[in-house]
Amino acid sequence: MDDNTSILELKEKVRKFCKERDWDQFHNAKELAIGIVTEGSELLQHFRFKSEKEVDRLFNSDKRKDISEELADLLFFVLRLAQRYSIDLSIELEEKLKKSAEKYPIGRAKGSNKKYSEF
């Protein structure tokens, strides 16, 4: 489904879902940002104190569904914030990638284990 679903379509699904429940009253920028952090923390709990091998095994276990659901919760809040405040995520991501490409050029960043502060 990722192959044929646009960000606009996802934002519209989220808008409709929230409108049907009269959630605009609860979804101001602050509350949505809190939701992003909260859901991000819930996602992080699955990986905390685990080695790379243990994390890889999570994706081949019954925990995969739990991780996927947390990721979907996080996406919901990101889409909802963008939808409520007319943020074009495609444009913003493109601009962010351009800035990051300048900050971390391939020749210096690729294969490097330098800390970001050394760039």
Protein backbone atom coordinates (compact mmCIF):
# COMPACT_ATOMS: atom_id res chain seq x y z
CA MET A 1 0.00 0.00 0.00
CA ASP A 2 2.95 2.39 0.55
CA ASP A 3 3.58 2.09 -3.17
CA ASN A 4 0.33 3.79 -4.10
CA THR A 5 -0.72 5.96 -1.16
CA SER A 6 0.23 9.63 -1.08
CA ILE A 7 0.95 11.71 2.00
CA LEU A 8 -2.06 13.84 1.06
CA GLU A 9 -4.30 10.76 1.13
CA LEU A 10 -2.97 9.78 4.55
CA LYS A 11 -3.49 13.29 5.90
CA GLU A 12 -7.06 13.23 4.58
CA LYS A 13 -7.76 9.87 6.27
CA VAL A 14 -6.46 11.27 9.56
CA ARG A 15 -8.48 14.49 9.13
CA LYS A 16 -11.69 12.56 8.44
CA PHE A 17 -11.12 10.15 11.33
CA CYS A 18 -10.57 13.05 13.76
CA LYS A 19 -13.45 15.14 12.40
CA GLU A 20 -15.87 12.24 12.90
CA ARG A 21 -14.83 12.15 16.55
CA ASP A 22 -14.78 15.95 17.05
CA TRP A 23 -11.12 15.81 18.08
CA ASP A 24 -10.07 19.19 16.68
CA GLN A 25 -10.76 20.61 20.14
CA PHE A 26 -7.99 18.39 21.57
CA HIS A 27 -5.52 18.59 18.71
CA ASN A 28 -3.66 21.86 19.06
CA ALA A 29 0.04 22.06 18.19
CA LYS A 30 1.19 21.52 21.78
CA GLU A 31 -0.94 18.42 22.34
CA LEU A 32 0.04 16.92 19.00
CA ALA A 33 3.74 17.55 19.69
CA ILE A 34 3.30 15.86 23.07
CA GLY A 35 1.70 12.93 21.26
CA ILE A 36 4.70 12.67 18.93
CA VAL A 37 7.13 12.55 21.85
CA THR A 38 4.98 10.13 23.83
CA GLU A 39 4.58 7.72 20.95
CA GLY A 40 8.27 8.05 20.10
CA SER A 41 9.09 7.07 23.68
CA GLU A 42 6.78 4.08 23.48
CA LEU A 43 8.55 2.98 20.30
CA LEU A 44 11.93 3.43 21.97
CA GLN A 45 10.95 1.17 24.86
CA HIS A 46 11.12 -1.82 22.52
CA PHE A 47 14.80 -1.16 21.80
CA ARG A 48 16.11 0.13 25.10
CA PHE A 49 19.07 -1.83 26.50
CA LYS A 50 19.07 -4.22 23.55
CA SER A 51 22.03 -5.08 21.36
CA GLU A 52 21.85 -4.77 17.59
CA LYS A 53 21.32 -8.54 17.32
CA GLU A 54 18.52 -8.46 19.88
CA VAL A 55 16.84 -5.61 17.99
CA ASP A 56 17.11 -7.53 14.72
CA ARG A 57 15.45 -10.52 16.38
CA LEU A 58 12.54 -8.33 17.50
CA PHE A 59 11.54 -7.85 13.89
CA ASN A 60 11.33 -11.61 13.45
CA SER A 61 9.21 -12.15 16.56
CA ASP A 62 5.73 -11.42 17.83
CA LYS A 63 7.06 -7.99 18.91
CA ARG A 64 7.15 -6.85 15.28
CA LYS A 65 3.41 -6.07 15.41
CA ASP A 66 3.83 -4.04 18.61
CA ILE A 67 6.66 -2.05 17.04
CA SER A 68 4.62 -1.50 13.87
CA GLU A 69 1.67 -0.22 15.89
CA GLU A 70 3.86 2.26 17.78
CA LEU A 71 5.30 3.46 14.49
CA ALA A 72 1.76 3.92 13.13
CA ASP A 73 0.81 5.89 16.26
CA LEU A 74 3.80 8.14 15.70
CA LEU A 75 2.91 8.62 12.04
CA PHE A 76 -0.66 9.49 13.01
CA PHE A 77 0.50 12.38 15.19
CA VAL A 78 3.00 13.63 12.59
CA LEU A 79 0.35 13.56 9.88
CA ARG A 80 -2.23 15.18 12.13
CA LEU A 81 0.08 18.04 13.09
CA ALA A 82 0.98 18.62 9.45
CA GLN A 83 -2.67 18.40 8.41
CA ARG A 84 -3.93 20.79 11.12
CA TYR A 85 -1.30 23.42 10.39
CA SER A 86 -1.01 23.08 6.59
CA ILE A 87 2.56 21.79 6.54
CA ASP A 88 3.59 20.17 3.27
CA LEU A 89 5.69 17.26 4.48
CA SER A 90 7.04 16.47 1.02
CA ILE A 91 8.43 19.98 0.59
CA GLU A 92 9.77 20.12 4.14
CA LEU A 93 11.51 16.75 3.80
CA GLU A 94 13.06 17.78 0.49
CA GLU A 95 14.38 21.01 2.03
CA LYS A 96 15.71 19.14 5.06
CA LEU A 97 17.54 16.62 2.86
CA LYS A 98 19.16 19.48 0.92
CA LYS A 99 20.35 21.13 4.14
CA SER A 100 21.62 17.81 5.46
CA ALA A 101 23.44 17.10 2.19
CA GLU A 102 25.30 20.39 2.59
CA LYS A 103 26.06 19.75 6.25
CA TYR A 104 27.07 16.11 5.71
CA PRO A 105 28.59 15.82 2.21
CA ILE A 106 28.99 12.27 0.93
CA GLY A 107 32.75 12.54 0.65
CA ARG A 108 33.10 13.35 4.35
CA ALA A 109 30.16 11.45 5.80
CA LYS A 110 30.08 8.14 3.91
CA GLY A 111 31.74 5.42 5.94
CA SER A 112 32.80 7.92 8.59
CA ASN A 113 32.46 7.19 12.25
CA LYS A 114 33.17 10.81 13.19
CA LYS A 115 30.79 12.44 15.57
CA TYR A 116 28.47 14.97 13.96
CA SER A 117 30.08 17.76 15.96
CA GLU A 118 33.34 17.13 14.05
CA PHE A 119 31.70 18.06 10.73
